[in-house]
């Protein structure tokens, strides 16, 4: 059903966005508004759905697909970003920042479910694509405003530094109702997510926007050291650590 919904959403996007380009001014504004609202509604459905269907990986991937369409539409030269006065790229960063903030609150109760981390990973990837200018149609333009720089630094702090810093604390902070297996899963997913996000930050070469990564890198090195002796971390993550360490 998600595959069919994705097909319909992409078809609607292609049809609507083409009509918006070909329409006159008034019709263009109306069409932009309709397309924007449609995509925004689809994105807003995802997190509530995931909270009630914590094994639905397809929903997370669909949510990222329509979020990508919404961002691509808003970041066009003739794009529409709703009732906001923010520049398009800042709007996009703010949108994903709010989604990630909401998911951080929600996952307090669901952090041992992999699908929540997949949703955050997909959103984080889109965030970095905006920073790197890869979601903007036409010439690639990296974001460099003070707002964007602050948003990127906050992203690094929230998704890498804070998570790695709490790696050894979260078992003690976990709710007492969590089983040992649930705590193990939360620990594994948290570590894998932080390492993956930091790796993407390095690969996207947006240091000029994010700034000094030495603090984040220090936390990642500590996390890697802790993971080598952590029996809750599965073997395939340990195998990945040498390659990640070499890239830092």
C-alpha atoms as a PDB file:
ATOM      1  CA  UNK A   1       0.000   0.000   0.000  1.00  0.00           C
ATOM      2  CA  UNK A   2       2.905   2.382   0.679  1.00  0.00           C
ATOM      3  CA  UNK A   3       4.340   1.624  -2.757  1.00  0.00           C
ATOM      4  CA  UNK A   4       1.022   2.567  -4.328  1.00  0.00           C
ATOM      5  CA  UNK A   5       0.777   5.692  -2.164  1.00  0.00           C
ATOM      6  CA  UNK A   6       4.302   6.655  -3.211  1.00  0.00           C
ATOM      7  CA  UNK A   7       3.380   6.187  -6.881  1.00  0.00           C
ATOM      8  CA  UNK A   8       0.270   8.378  -6.485  1.00  0.00           C
ATOM      9  CA  UNK A   9       2.191  11.076  -4.600  1.00  0.00           C
ATOM     10  CA  UNK A  10       4.955  11.210  -7.195  1.00  0.00           C
ATOM     11  CA  UNK A  11       2.417  11.314 -10.010  1.00  0.00           C
ATOM     12  CA  UNK A  12       0.560  14.134  -8.254  1.00  0.00           C
ATOM     13  CA  UNK A  13       3.841  15.988  -7.743  1.00  0.00           C
ATOM     14  CA  UNK A  14       4.909  15.639 -11.380  1.00  0.00           C
ATOM     15  CA  UNK A  15       1.494  16.650 -12.706  1.00  0.00           C
ATOM     16  CA  UNK A  16       0.920  19.509 -10.282  1.00  0.00           C
ATOM     17  CA  UNK A  17       4.423  20.949 -10.473  1.00  0.00           C
ATOM     18  CA  UNK A  18       4.308  20.900 -14.296  1.00  0.00           C
ATOM     19  CA  UNK A  19       0.934  22.661 -14.254  1.00  0.00           C
ATOM     20  CA  UNK A  20       2.298  25.243 -11.820  1.00  0.00           C
ATOM     21  CA  UNK A  21       5.141  26.036 -14.221  1.00  0.00           C
ATOM     22  CA  UNK A  22       2.788  26.351 -17.186  1.00  0.00           C
ATOM     23  CA  UNK A  23       0.007  28.258 -15.431  1.00  0.00           C
ATOM     24  CA  UNK A  24      -0.494  31.992 -15.164  1.00  0.00           C
ATOM     25  CA  UNK A  25       0.275  33.931 -12.012  1.00  0.00           C
ATOM     26  CA  UNK A  26      -3.022  33.451 -10.195  1.00  0.00           C
ATOM     27  CA  UNK A  27      -3.399  29.804 -11.165  1.00  0.00           C
ATOM     28  CA  UNK A  28       0.254  29.215 -10.330  1.00  0.00           C
ATOM     29  CA  UNK A  29      -0.212  30.499  -6.777  1.00  0.00           C
ATOM     30  CA  UNK A  30      -3.312  28.372  -6.340  1.00  0.00           C
ATOM     31  CA  UNK A  31      -1.620  25.258  -7.729  1.00  0.00           C
ATOM     32  CA  UNK A  32       1.464  25.807  -5.589  1.00  0.00           C
ATOM     33  CA  UNK A  33      -0.704  26.117  -2.507  1.00  0.00           C
ATOM     34  CA  UNK A  34      -2.581  22.890  -3.284  1.00  0.00           C
ATOM     35  CA  UNK A  35       0.588  20.887  -4.000  1.00  0.00           C
ATOM     36  CA  UNK A  36       2.369  22.222  -0.928  1.00  0.00           C
ATOM     37  CA  UNK A  37      -0.575  21.395   1.358  1.00  0.00           C
ATOM     38  CA  UNK A  38      -0.917  17.903  -0.125  1.00  0.00           C
ATOM     39  CA  UNK A  39       2.765  17.043   0.443  1.00  0.00           C
ATOM     40  CA  UNK A  40       2.840  18.683   3.871  1.00  0.00           C
ATOM     41  CA  UNK A  41      -0.211  16.673   4.997  1.00  0.00           C
ATOM     42  CA  UNK A  42       1.441  13.449   3.828  1.00  0.00           C
ATOM     43  CA  UNK A  43       4.625  14.249   5.785  1.00  0.00           C
ATOM     44  CA  UNK A  44       2.670  15.179   8.923  1.00  0.00           C
ATOM     45  CA  UNK A  45       0.919  11.801   8.921  1.00  0.00           C
ATOM     46  CA  UNK A  46       4.124   9.809   9.249  1.00  0.00           C
ATOM     47  CA  UNK A  47       5.286  10.315  12.824  1.00  0.00           C
ATOM     48  CA  UNK A  48       1.858   9.682  14.424  1.00  0.00           C
ATOM     49  CA  UNK A  49       1.580   6.576  12.253  1.00  0.00           C
ATOM     50  CA  UNK A  50       5.028   5.329  13.303  1.00  0.00           C
ATOM     51  CA  UNK A  51       4.178   5.810  16.970  1.00  0.00           C
ATOM     52  CA  UNK A  52       1.285   3.376  16.517  1.00  0.00           C
ATOM     53  CA  UNK A  53       2.917   1.045  13.970  1.00  0.00           C
ATOM     54  CA  UNK A  54       6.486   0.672  15.255  1.00  0.00           C
ATOM     55  CA  UNK A  55       7.396  -2.101  12.825  1.00  0.00           C
ATOM     56  CA  UNK A  56       6.311  -0.290   9.661  1.00  0.00           C
ATOM     57  CA  UNK A  57       9.640   0.442   7.983  1.00  0.00           C
ATOM     58  CA  UNK A  58       7.902   1.163   4.676  1.00  0.00           C
ATOM     59  CA  UNK A  59       6.051   4.089   6.261  1.00  0.00           C
ATOM     60  CA  UNK A  60       9.359   5.699   7.285  1.00  0.00           C
ATOM     61  CA  UNK A  61      10.737   5.359   3.767  1.00  0.00           C
ATOM     62  CA  UNK A  62       7.528   6.735   2.251  1.00  0.00           C
ATOM     63  CA  UNK A  63       7.663   9.678   4.645  1.00  0.00           C
ATOM     64  CA  UNK A  64      11.195  10.471   3.500  1.00  0.00           C
ATOM     65  CA  UNK A  65      10.115  10.253  -0.149  1.00  0.00           C
ATOM     66  CA  UNK A  66       7.307  12.790   0.234  1.00  0.00           C
ATOM     67  CA  UNK A  67       9.429  14.980   2.517  1.00  0.00           C
ATOM     68  CA  UNK A  68      12.043  15.013  -0.246  1.00  0.00           C
ATOM     69  CA  UNK A  69       9.377  16.030  -2.778  1.00  0.00           C
ATOM     70  CA  UNK A  70       8.143  18.803  -0.479  1.00  0.00           C
ATOM     71  CA  UNK A  71      11.678  20.129   0.009  1.00  0.00           C
ATOM     72  CA  UNK A  72      12.517  19.883  -3.697  1.00  0.00           C
ATOM     73  CA  UNK A  73       9.365  21.848  -4.557  1.00  0.00           C
ATOM     74  CA  UNK A  74      10.059  24.521  -1.955  1.00  0.00           C
ATOM     75  CA  UNK A  75      13.709  24.890  -2.971  1.00  0.00           C
ATOM     76  CA  UNK A  76      12.961  25.534  -6.653  1.00  0.00           C
ATOM     77  CA  UNK A  77      13.604  29.032  -7.970  1.00  0.00           C
ATOM     78  CA  UNK A  78       9.841  29.391  -8.350  1.00  0.00           C
ATOM     79  CA  UNK A  79       9.122  27.259  -5.278  1.00  0.00           C
ATOM     80  CA  UNK A  80       6.450  27.782  -2.667  1.00  0.00           C
ATOM     81  CA  UNK A  81       7.155  27.346   1.057  1.00  0.00           C
ATOM     82  CA  UNK A  82       3.801  28.118   2.622  1.00  0.00           C
ATOM     83  CA  UNK A  83       3.084  31.014   4.954  1.00  0.00           C
ATOM     84  CA  UNK A  84       6.657  31.766   5.957  1.00  0.00           C
ATOM     85  CA  UNK A  85       8.953  34.702   5.416  1.00  0.00           C
ATOM     86  CA  UNK A  86      12.090  32.562   5.684  1.00  0.00           C
ATOM     87  CA  UNK A  87      14.303  32.102   2.628  1.00  0.00           C
ATOM     88  CA  UNK A  88      13.671  28.728   0.995  1.00  0.00           C
ATOM     89  CA  UNK A  89      16.775  26.933   2.248  1.00  0.00           C
ATOM     90  CA  UNK A  90      16.274  28.193   5.781  1.00  0.00           C
ATOM     91  CA  UNK A  91      12.655  27.059   5.614  1.00  0.00           C
ATOM     92  CA  UNK A  92      13.829  23.583   4.627  1.00  0.00           C
ATOM     93  CA  UNK A  93      16.341  23.351   7.467  1.00  0.00           C
ATOM     94  CA  UNK A  94      13.747  24.596   9.944  1.00  0.00           C
ATOM     95  CA  UNK A  95      11.207  22.049   8.704  1.00  0.00           C
ATOM     96  CA  UNK A  96      13.544  19.087   9.178  1.00  0.00           C
ATOM     97  CA  UNK A  97      14.872  20.502  12.441  1.00  0.00           C
ATOM     98  CA  UNK A  98      11.325  20.553  13.817  1.00  0.00           C
ATOM     99  CA  UNK A  99      10.684  16.986  12.643  1.00  0.00           C
ATOM    100  CA  UNK A 100      13.870  15.763  14.325  1.00  0.00           C
ATOM    101  CA  UNK A 101      13.021  17.646  17.527  1.00  0.00           C
ATOM    102  CA  UNK A 102       9.563  16.071  17.571  1.00  0.00           C
ATOM    103  CA  UNK A 103      11.010  12.605  16.988  1.00  0.00           C
ATOM    104  CA  UNK A 104      13.487  13.070  19.856  1.00  0.00           C
ATOM    105  CA  UNK A 105      10.557  13.638  22.197  1.00  0.00           C
ATOM    106  CA  UNK A 106       8.575  10.734  20.789  1.00  0.00           C
ATOM    107  CA  UNK A 107      11.405   8.223  20.801  1.00  0.00           C
ATOM    108  CA  UNK A 108      11.851   8.487  24.574  1.00  0.00           C
ATOM    109  CA  UNK A 109       9.154   5.825  24.679  1.00  0.00           C
ATOM    110  CA  UNK A 110      10.136   3.983  21.481  1.00  0.00           C
ATOM    111  CA  UNK A 111      13.927   4.235  21.309  1.00  0.00           C
ATOM    112  CA  UNK A 112      14.343   0.458  21.128  1.00  0.00           C
ATOM    113  CA  UNK A 113      12.346   0.291  17.875  1.00  0.00           C
ATOM    114  CA  UNK A 114      14.583   0.493  14.816  1.00  0.00           C
ATOM    115  CA  UNK A 115      11.975   2.221  12.631  1.00  0.00           C
ATOM    116  CA  UNK A 116      12.177   5.437  14.719  1.00  0.00           C
ATOM    117  CA  UNK A 117      15.919   5.582  14.130  1.00  0.00           C
ATOM    118  CA  UNK A 118      15.452   4.886  10.412  1.00  0.00           C
ATOM    119  CA  UNK A 119      13.012   7.810  10.199  1.00  0.00           C
ATOM    120  CA  UNK A 120      15.509  10.077  11.938  1.00  0.00           C
ATOM    121  CA  UNK A 121      18.332   8.835   9.709  1.00  0.00           C
ATOM    122  CA  UNK A 122      16.382   9.565   6.538  1.00  0.00           C
ATOM    123  CA  UNK A 123      15.452  13.048   7.795  1.00  0.00           C
ATOM    124  CA  UNK A 124      19.051  13.714   8.793  1.00  0.00           C
ATOM    125  CA  UNK A 125      20.221  12.747   5.319  1.00  0.00           C
ATOM    126  CA  UNK A 126      17.808  15.255   3.759  1.00  0.00           C
ATOM    127  CA  UNK A 127      19.009  17.939   6.194  1.00  0.00           C
ATOM    128  CA  UNK A 128      22.601  17.442   5.042  1.00  0.00           C
ATOM    129  CA  UNK A 129      21.541  17.461   1.389  1.00  0.00           C
ATOM    130  CA  UNK A 130      20.068  20.938   1.912  1.00  0.00           C
ATOM    131  CA  UNK A 131      23.314  22.082   3.559  1.00  0.00           C
ATOM    132  CA  UNK A 132      25.275  20.652   0.638  1.00  0.00           C
ATOM    133  CA  UNK A 133      22.946  22.243  -1.925  1.00  0.00           C
ATOM    134  CA  UNK A 134      21.915  18.909  -3.450  1.00  0.00           C
ATOM    135  CA  UNK A 135      18.144  19.342  -3.169  1.00  0.00           C
ATOM    136  CA  UNK A 136      18.080  22.600  -5.066  1.00  0.00           C
ATOM    137  CA  UNK A 137      17.320  22.236  -8.770  1.00  0.00           C
ATOM    138  CA  UNK A 138      19.768  23.934 -11.074  1.00  0.00           C
ATOM    139  CA  UNK A 139      23.183  25.091  -9.916  1.00  0.00           C
ATOM    140  CA  UNK A 140      24.325  23.569  -6.616  1.00  0.00           C
ATOM    141  CA  UNK A 141      24.457  26.302  -3.995  1.00  0.00           C
ATOM    142  CA  UNK A 142      25.631  25.517  -0.484  1.00  0.00           C
ATOM    143  CA  UNK A 143      23.876  27.210   2.400  1.00  0.00           C
ATOM    144  CA  UNK A 144      26.062  29.781   4.119  1.00  0.00           C
ATOM    145  CA  UNK A 145      23.790  32.182   6.036  1.00  0.00           C
ATOM    146  CA  UNK A 146      24.233  32.667   9.785  1.00  0.00           C
ATOM    147  CA  UNK A 147      20.850  30.987  10.368  1.00  0.00           C
ATOM    148  CA  UNK A 148      21.880  27.942   8.357  1.00  0.00           C
ATOM    149  CA  UNK A 149      25.257  27.757  10.061  1.00  0.00           C
ATOM    150  CA  UNK A 150      23.572  27.826  13.472  1.00  0.00           C
ATOM    151  CA  UNK A 151      21.056  25.173  12.371  1.00  0.00           C
ATOM    152  CA  UNK A 152      23.857  22.927  11.095  1.00  0.00           C
ATOM    153  CA  UNK A 153      25.831  23.296  14.320  1.00  0.00           C
ATOM    154  CA  UNK A 154      22.728  22.508  16.378  1.00  0.00           C
ATOM    155  CA  UNK A 155      22.117  19.450  14.201  1.00  0.00           C
ATOM    156  CA  UNK A 156      25.654  18.184  14.883  1.00  0.00           C
ATOM    157  CA  UNK A 157      25.242  18.796  18.603  1.00  0.00           C
ATOM    158  CA  UNK A 158      21.866  17.067  18.871  1.00  0.00           C
ATOM    159  CA  UNK A 159      22.454  14.137  16.536  1.00  0.00           C
ATOM    160  CA  UNK A 160      26.111  13.352  17.292  1.00  0.00           C
ATOM    161  CA  UNK A 161      27.544  15.039  20.391  1.00  0.00           C
ATOM    162  CA  UNK A 162      24.584  14.689  22.754  1.00  0.00           C
ATOM    163  CA  UNK A 163      23.753  11.135  21.674  1.00  0.00           C
ATOM    164  CA  UNK A 164      27.336   9.879  21.968  1.00  0.00           C
ATOM    165  CA  UNK A 165      27.772  11.693  25.281  1.00  0.00           C
ATOM    166  CA  UNK A 166      24.733   9.891  26.657  1.00  0.00           C
ATOM    167  CA  UNK A 167      25.715   6.502  25.266  1.00  0.00           C
ATOM    168  CA  UNK A 168      26.958   5.182  28.607  1.00  0.00           C
ATOM    169  CA  UNK A 169      24.289   7.013  30.597  1.00  0.00           C
ATOM    170  CA  UNK A 170      21.140   6.017  28.783  1.00  0.00           C
ATOM    171  CA  UNK A 171      20.841   2.590  30.400  1.00  0.00           C
ATOM    172  CA  UNK A 172      20.621   4.241  33.795  1.00  0.00           C
ATOM    173  CA  UNK A 173      18.267   6.904  32.450  1.00  0.00           C
ATOM    174  CA  UNK A 174      16.016   4.425  30.652  1.00  0.00           C
ATOM    175  CA  UNK A 175      12.566   3.917  32.040  1.00  0.00           C
ATOM    176  CA  UNK A 176      12.400   1.104  34.555  1.00  0.00           C
ATOM    177  CA  UNK A 177       9.628  -0.534  32.541  1.00  0.00           C
ATOM    178  CA  UNK A 178      12.092  -1.263  29.718  1.00  0.00           C
ATOM    179  CA  UNK A 179      13.353  -4.823  29.602  1.00  0.00           C
ATOM    180  CA  UNK A 180      17.051  -5.610  29.317  1.00  0.00           C
ATOM    181  CA  UNK A 181      16.546  -6.591  25.696  1.00  0.00           C
ATOM    182  CA  UNK A 182      14.820  -3.285  24.953  1.00  0.00           C
ATOM    183  CA  UNK A 183      17.696  -1.398  26.581  1.00  0.00           C
ATOM    184  CA  UNK A 184      20.181  -3.381  24.483  1.00  0.00           C
ATOM    185  CA  UNK A 185      18.316  -2.510  21.288  1.00  0.00           C
ATOM    186  CA  UNK A 186      18.106   1.179  22.226  1.00  0.00           C
ATOM    187  CA  UNK A 187      21.837   1.215  22.880  1.00  0.00           C
ATOM    188  CA  UNK A 188      22.622  -0.476  19.568  1.00  0.00           C
ATOM    189  CA  UNK A 189      20.357   1.755  17.471  1.00  0.00           C
ATOM    190  CA  UNK A 190      21.627   4.921  19.176  1.00  0.00           C
ATOM    191  CA  UNK A 191      25.263   4.057  18.515  1.00  0.00           C
ATOM    192  CA  UNK A 192      24.669   3.041  14.902  1.00  0.00           C
ATOM    193  CA  UNK A 193      22.679   6.220  14.231  1.00  0.00           C
ATOM    194  CA  UNK A 194      25.298   8.585  15.708  1.00  0.00           C
ATOM    195  CA  UNK A 195      28.136   6.951  13.798  1.00  0.00           C
ATOM    196  CA  UNK A 196      26.188   6.963  10.537  1.00  0.00           C
ATOM    197  CA  UNK A 197      25.193  10.627  10.874  1.00  0.00           C
ATOM    198  CA  UNK A 198      28.760  11.698  11.635  1.00  0.00           C
ATOM    199  CA  UNK A 199      29.996   9.706   8.652  1.00  0.00           C
ATOM    200  CA  UNK A 200      27.490  11.536   6.410  1.00  0.00           C
ATOM    201  CA  UNK A 201      28.617  14.896   7.802  1.00  0.00           C
ATOM    202  CA  UNK A 202      32.202  14.029   6.837  1.00  0.00           C
ATOM    203  CA  UNK A 203      31.182  12.770   3.386  1.00  0.00           C
ATOM    204  CA  UNK A 204      29.035  15.773   2.471  1.00  0.00           C
ATOM    205  CA  UNK A 205      32.046  18.066   2.925  1.00  0.00           C
ATOM    206  CA  UNK A 206      30.038  20.834   4.559  1.00  0.00           C
ATOM    207  CA  UNK A 207      32.627  21.731   7.171  1.00  0.00           C
ATOM    208  CA  UNK A 208      32.638  25.296   5.881  1.00  0.00           C
ATOM    209  CA  UNK A 209      28.995  25.559   7.000  1.00  0.00           C
ATOM    210  CA  UNK A 210      29.046  23.475  10.191  1.00  0.00           C
ATOM    211  CA  UNK A 211      32.448  24.726  11.300  1.00  0.00           C
ATOM    212  CA  UNK A 212      34.892  22.960  13.622  1.00  0.00           C
ATOM    213  CA  UNK A 213      34.072  19.252  13.974  1.00  0.00           C
ATOM    214  CA  UNK A 214      36.762  18.489  16.548  1.00  0.00           C
ATOM    215  CA  UNK A 215      34.301  18.255  19.461  1.00  0.00           C
ATOM    216  CA  UNK A 216      32.019  15.895  17.560  1.00  0.00           C
ATOM    217  CA  UNK A 217      35.008  13.872  16.396  1.00  0.00           C
ATOM    218  CA  UNK A 218      36.248  13.563  19.974  1.00  0.00           C
ATOM    219  CA  UNK A 219      32.873  12.233  21.102  1.00  0.00           C
ATOM    220  CA  UNK A 220      32.788   9.764  18.211  1.00  0.00           C
ATOM    221  CA  UNK A 221      36.252   8.434  19.133  1.00  0.00           C
ATOM    222  CA  UNK A 222      35.081   7.920  22.729  1.00  0.00           C
ATOM    223  CA  UNK A 223      31.981   6.143  21.483  1.00  0.00           C
ATOM    224  CA  UNK A 224      34.057   3.857  19.265  1.00  0.00           C
ATOM    225  CA  UNK A 225      36.319   2.996  22.197  1.00  0.00           C
ATOM    226  CA  UNK A 226      33.318   2.215  24.396  1.00  0.00           C
ATOM    227  CA  UNK A 227      31.715   0.080  21.703  1.00  0.00           C
ATOM    228  CA  UNK A 228      34.712  -2.224  21.352  1.00  0.00           C
ATOM    229  CA  UNK A 229      34.074  -3.574  24.852  1.00  0.00           C
ATOM    230  CA  UNK A 230      30.294  -3.346  24.828  1.00  0.00           C
ATOM    231  CA  UNK A 231      28.610  -6.717  24.621  1.00  0.00           C
ATOM    232  CA  UNK A 232      25.298  -5.105  23.649  1.00  0.00           C
ATOM    233  CA  UNK A 233      26.711  -4.063  20.266  1.00  0.00           C
ATOM    234  CA  UNK A 234      26.260  -6.590  17.515  1.00  0.00           C
ATOM    235  CA  UNK A 235      29.188  -7.914  15.506  1.00  0.00           C
ATOM    236  CA  UNK A 236      28.395  -6.174  12.197  1.00  0.00           C
ATOM    237  CA  UNK A 237      28.681  -2.733  13.837  1.00  0.00           C
ATOM    238  CA  UNK A 238      32.053  -3.662  15.338  1.00  0.00           C
ATOM    239  CA  UNK A 239      33.274  -4.715  11.896  1.00  0.00           C
ATOM    240  CA  UNK A 240      32.323  -1.254  10.580  1.00  0.00           C
ATOM    241  CA  UNK A 241      34.326   0.602  13.251  1.00  0.00           C
ATOM    242  CA  UNK A 242      37.849   0.305  11.741  1.00  0.00           C
ATOM    243  CA  UNK A 243      36.683   1.780   8.420  1.00  0.00           C
ATOM    244  CA  UNK A 244      34.939   4.636  10.215  1.00  0.00           C
ATOM    245  CA  UNK A 245      37.960   5.315  12.430  1.00  0.00           C
ATOM    246  CA  UNK A 246      40.230   5.478   9.375  1.00  0.00           C
ATOM    247  CA  UNK A 247      37.992   8.130   7.763  1.00  0.00           C
ATOM    248  CA  UNK A 248      38.064  10.492  10.768  1.00  0.00           C
END
